[in-house]
């Protein structure tokens, strides 16, 4: 049994080493991924502003989706749970006078060819065009067979925007 334990430990260690040895990306690869992830962020904000919550689990979010709140992590394990969360958020902000949201300049940090972070300030606007609120959020994106999807996200203070150096 002791021998089996050590063999398993060696295999796990080698697997972790191989996974951490990611090849460097070229500037063109990074630019392409940043463009794709930025487009995915804008697609999400367009669908949300159109109040199309049913499209979000199919076109924007990876299911299961991990929401990171001040209370901790919670998981929406089904498309119906994702839709319920987004519909509840929509109801809450509509009651505050919200009309639309924009994330004009997401800071995209490419981690590898299948993962990226988008962080920055987004704005909620009233119908008259005035700013209702300025907020900050960070999204963790994963590349799937259907394109870039938000795997996890969490709101935070404006001073917590995640920077990235290329």
Protein backbone atom coordinates (compact mmCIF):
# COMPACT_ATOMS: atom_id res chain seq x y z
CA UNK A 1 0.00 0.00 0.00
CA UNK A 2 2.84 2.37 0.86
CA UNK A 3 4.41 1.74 -2.58
CA UNK A 4 1.10 2.48 -4.32
CA UNK A 5 0.80 5.76 -2.41
CA UNK A 6 4.25 6.91 -3.50
CA UNK A 7 3.65 5.91 -7.12
CA UNK A 8 0.40 7.88 -7.15
CA UNK A 9 2.17 10.87 -5.59
CA UNK A 10 4.89 10.75 -8.28
CA UNK A 11 2.28 10.56 -11.07
CA UNK A 12 0.35 13.51 -9.59
CA UNK A 13 3.56 15.52 -9.26
CA UNK A 14 4.55 14.83 -12.85
CA UNK A 15 1.04 15.73 -14.05
CA UNK A 16 1.15 19.02 -12.18
CA UNK A 17 4.58 19.81 -13.61
CA UNK A 18 3.41 19.07 -17.16
CA UNK A 19 0.28 21.20 -16.71
CA UNK A 20 2.29 24.15 -15.41
CA UNK A 21 4.71 24.02 -18.34
CA UNK A 22 2.49 26.02 -20.69
CA UNK A 23 4.06 27.24 -23.92
CA UNK A 24 4.47 30.98 -24.32
CA UNK A 25 1.97 32.68 -26.57
CA UNK A 26 2.96 34.96 -29.41
CA UNK A 27 1.86 38.58 -29.44
CA UNK A 28 -0.52 37.72 -32.32
CA UNK A 29 -2.09 34.86 -30.34
CA UNK A 30 -2.58 37.10 -27.32
CA UNK A 31 -4.09 39.87 -29.45
CA UNK A 32 -6.49 37.40 -31.11
CA UNK A 33 -7.67 35.97 -27.78
CA UNK A 34 -8.06 39.45 -26.26
CA UNK A 35 -10.22 40.46 -29.23
CA UNK A 36 -12.38 37.33 -28.90
CA UNK A 37 -12.84 37.69 -25.13
CA UNK A 38 -13.62 41.40 -25.44
CA UNK A 39 -16.26 40.53 -28.06
CA UNK A 40 -17.69 37.92 -25.65
CA UNK A 41 -17.93 40.55 -22.88
CA UNK A 42 -19.73 42.97 -25.19
CA UNK A 43 -22.06 40.20 -26.39
CA UNK A 44 -23.03 39.51 -22.78
CA UNK A 45 -23.73 43.17 -22.03
CA UNK A 46 -25.80 43.48 -25.22
CA UNK A 47 -27.94 40.43 -24.35
CA UNK A 48 -28.37 41.57 -20.76
CA UNK A 49 -29.35 45.09 -21.84
CA UNK A 50 -31.84 43.54 -24.27
CA UNK A 51 -33.23 41.65 -21.24
CA UNK A 52 -32.61 38.33 -22.99
CA UNK A 53 -31.90 36.26 -19.88
CA UNK A 54 -32.83 32.96 -21.52
CA UNK A 55 -29.94 33.33 -24.01
CA UNK A 56 -27.32 33.78 -21.30
CA UNK A 57 -26.82 30.10 -20.29
CA UNK A 58 -26.52 29.13 -23.97
CA UNK A 59 -24.51 32.02 -25.39
CA UNK A 60 -22.57 33.59 -22.51
CA UNK A 61 -22.16 31.45 -19.41
CA UNK A 62 -20.60 28.06 -18.92
CA UNK A 63 -22.85 25.80 -16.91
CA UNK A 64 -22.09 25.09 -14.13
CA UNK A 65 -21.36 28.72 -13.33
CA UNK A 66 -19.55 29.80 -10.17
CA UNK A 67 -20.67 33.12 -8.70
CA UNK A 68 -18.21 34.68 -6.25
CA UNK A 69 -20.03 36.95 -3.81
CA UNK A 70 -18.91 38.55 -0.55
CA UNK A 71 -20.64 35.62 1.18
CA UNK A 72 -18.54 33.09 -0.75
CA UNK A 73 -18.87 30.89 -3.81
CA UNK A 74 -22.17 29.54 -5.05
CA UNK A 75 -22.77 27.34 -8.05
CA UNK A 76 -25.56 27.49 -10.60
CA UNK A 77 -25.51 23.88 -11.81
CA UNK A 78 -28.22 24.08 -14.48
CA UNK A 79 -29.23 26.53 -17.21
CA UNK A 80 -32.45 27.12 -15.26
CA UNK A 81 -30.48 28.21 -12.17
CA UNK A 82 -28.37 30.59 -14.28
CA UNK A 83 -31.53 32.06 -15.81
CA UNK A 84 -33.16 32.42 -12.38
CA UNK A 85 -30.11 34.29 -11.01
CA UNK A 86 -29.92 36.66 -14.00
CA UNK A 87 -33.68 37.28 -13.95
CA UNK A 88 -33.50 38.14 -10.24
CA UNK A 89 -30.60 40.53 -10.92
CA UNK A 90 -32.56 42.12 -13.77
CA UNK A 91 -35.63 42.60 -11.59
CA UNK A 92 -33.55 44.22 -8.85
CA UNK A 93 -31.81 46.71 -11.13
CA UNK A 94 -34.99 47.54 -13.07
CA UNK A 95 -36.50 48.63 -9.75
CA UNK A 96 -33.58 51.04 -9.33
CA UNK A 97 -34.33 52.80 -12.63
CA UNK A 98 -31.84 50.87 -14.81
CA UNK A 99 -32.15 50.88 -18.59
CA UNK A 100 -28.89 49.40 -19.92
CA UNK A 101 -25.31 48.51 -19.02
CA UNK A 102 -21.95 48.89 -20.76
CA UNK A 103 -18.47 47.53 -20.11
CA UNK A 104 -16.56 49.83 -22.48
CA UNK A 105 -12.96 48.79 -21.81
CA UNK A 106 -12.50 45.37 -20.26
CA UNK A 107 -8.93 44.66 -19.19
CA UNK A 108 -8.34 41.22 -20.72
CA UNK A 109 -5.53 39.08 -19.39
CA UNK A 110 -4.79 35.97 -21.44
CA UNK A 111 -3.72 33.09 -19.21
CA UNK A 112 -3.35 30.49 -21.96
CA UNK A 113 -5.12 29.49 -25.19
CA UNK A 114 -8.13 28.27 -23.20
CA UNK A 115 -8.40 30.73 -20.31
CA UNK A 116 -8.57 34.47 -19.83
CA UNK A 117 -9.67 37.06 -17.28
CA UNK A 118 -11.68 40.17 -18.11
CA UNK A 119 -11.76 42.77 -15.36
CA UNK A 120 -12.73 46.40 -15.14
CA UNK A 121 -15.41 49.00 -14.65
CA UNK A 122 -18.88 48.76 -16.06
CA UNK A 123 -21.65 51.32 -16.03
CA UNK A 124 -25.38 51.11 -15.50
CA UNK A 125 -27.44 53.82 -17.19
CA UNK A 126 -30.94 55.20 -16.72
CA UNK A 127 -33.32 55.74 -19.64
CA UNK A 128 -32.33 59.41 -19.84
CA UNK A 129 -28.70 58.37 -20.41
CA UNK A 130 -27.43 59.44 -17.00
CA UNK A 131 -25.17 57.09 -15.05
CA UNK A 132 -27.05 55.09 -12.44
CA UNK A 133 -23.92 53.41 -11.06
CA UNK A 134 -20.27 52.68 -11.75
CA UNK A 135 -19.23 49.16 -10.74
CA UNK A 136 -16.35 46.73 -11.11
CA UNK A 137 -16.37 43.05 -11.97
CA UNK A 138 -13.98 40.29 -12.92
CA UNK A 139 -14.94 37.44 -15.23
CA UNK A 140 -12.99 34.22 -15.68
CA UNK A 141 -13.44 32.94 -19.22
CA UNK A 142 -12.87 29.47 -20.59
CA UNK A 143 -12.73 28.43 -24.23
CA UNK A 144 -15.36 25.81 -25.06
CA UNK A 145 -16.56 24.09 -28.22
CA UNK A 146 -19.16 26.89 -28.41
CA UNK A 147 -16.62 29.69 -27.98
CA UNK A 148 -15.54 31.79 -24.99
CA UNK A 149 -17.83 31.42 -21.98
CA UNK A 150 -17.86 32.98 -18.52
CA UNK A 151 -16.95 30.21 -16.08
CA UNK A 152 -16.97 32.37 -12.96
CA UNK A 153 -17.42 35.99 -11.97
CA UNK A 154 -17.55 38.30 -9.02
CA UNK A 155 -18.19 41.97 -8.40
CA UNK A 156 -15.77 44.01 -6.32
CA UNK A 157 -14.60 47.49 -5.48
CA UNK A 158 -13.37 49.84 -8.18
CA UNK A 159 -9.90 49.64 -6.62
CA UNK A 160 -9.76 45.84 -7.13
CA UNK A 161 -9.71 45.73 -10.95
CA UNK A 162 -7.29 43.00 -12.04
CA UNK A 163 -4.40 44.39 -14.11
CA UNK A 164 -2.42 42.41 -16.65
CA UNK A 165 0.99 42.93 -18.15
CA UNK A 166 1.68 41.40 -21.55
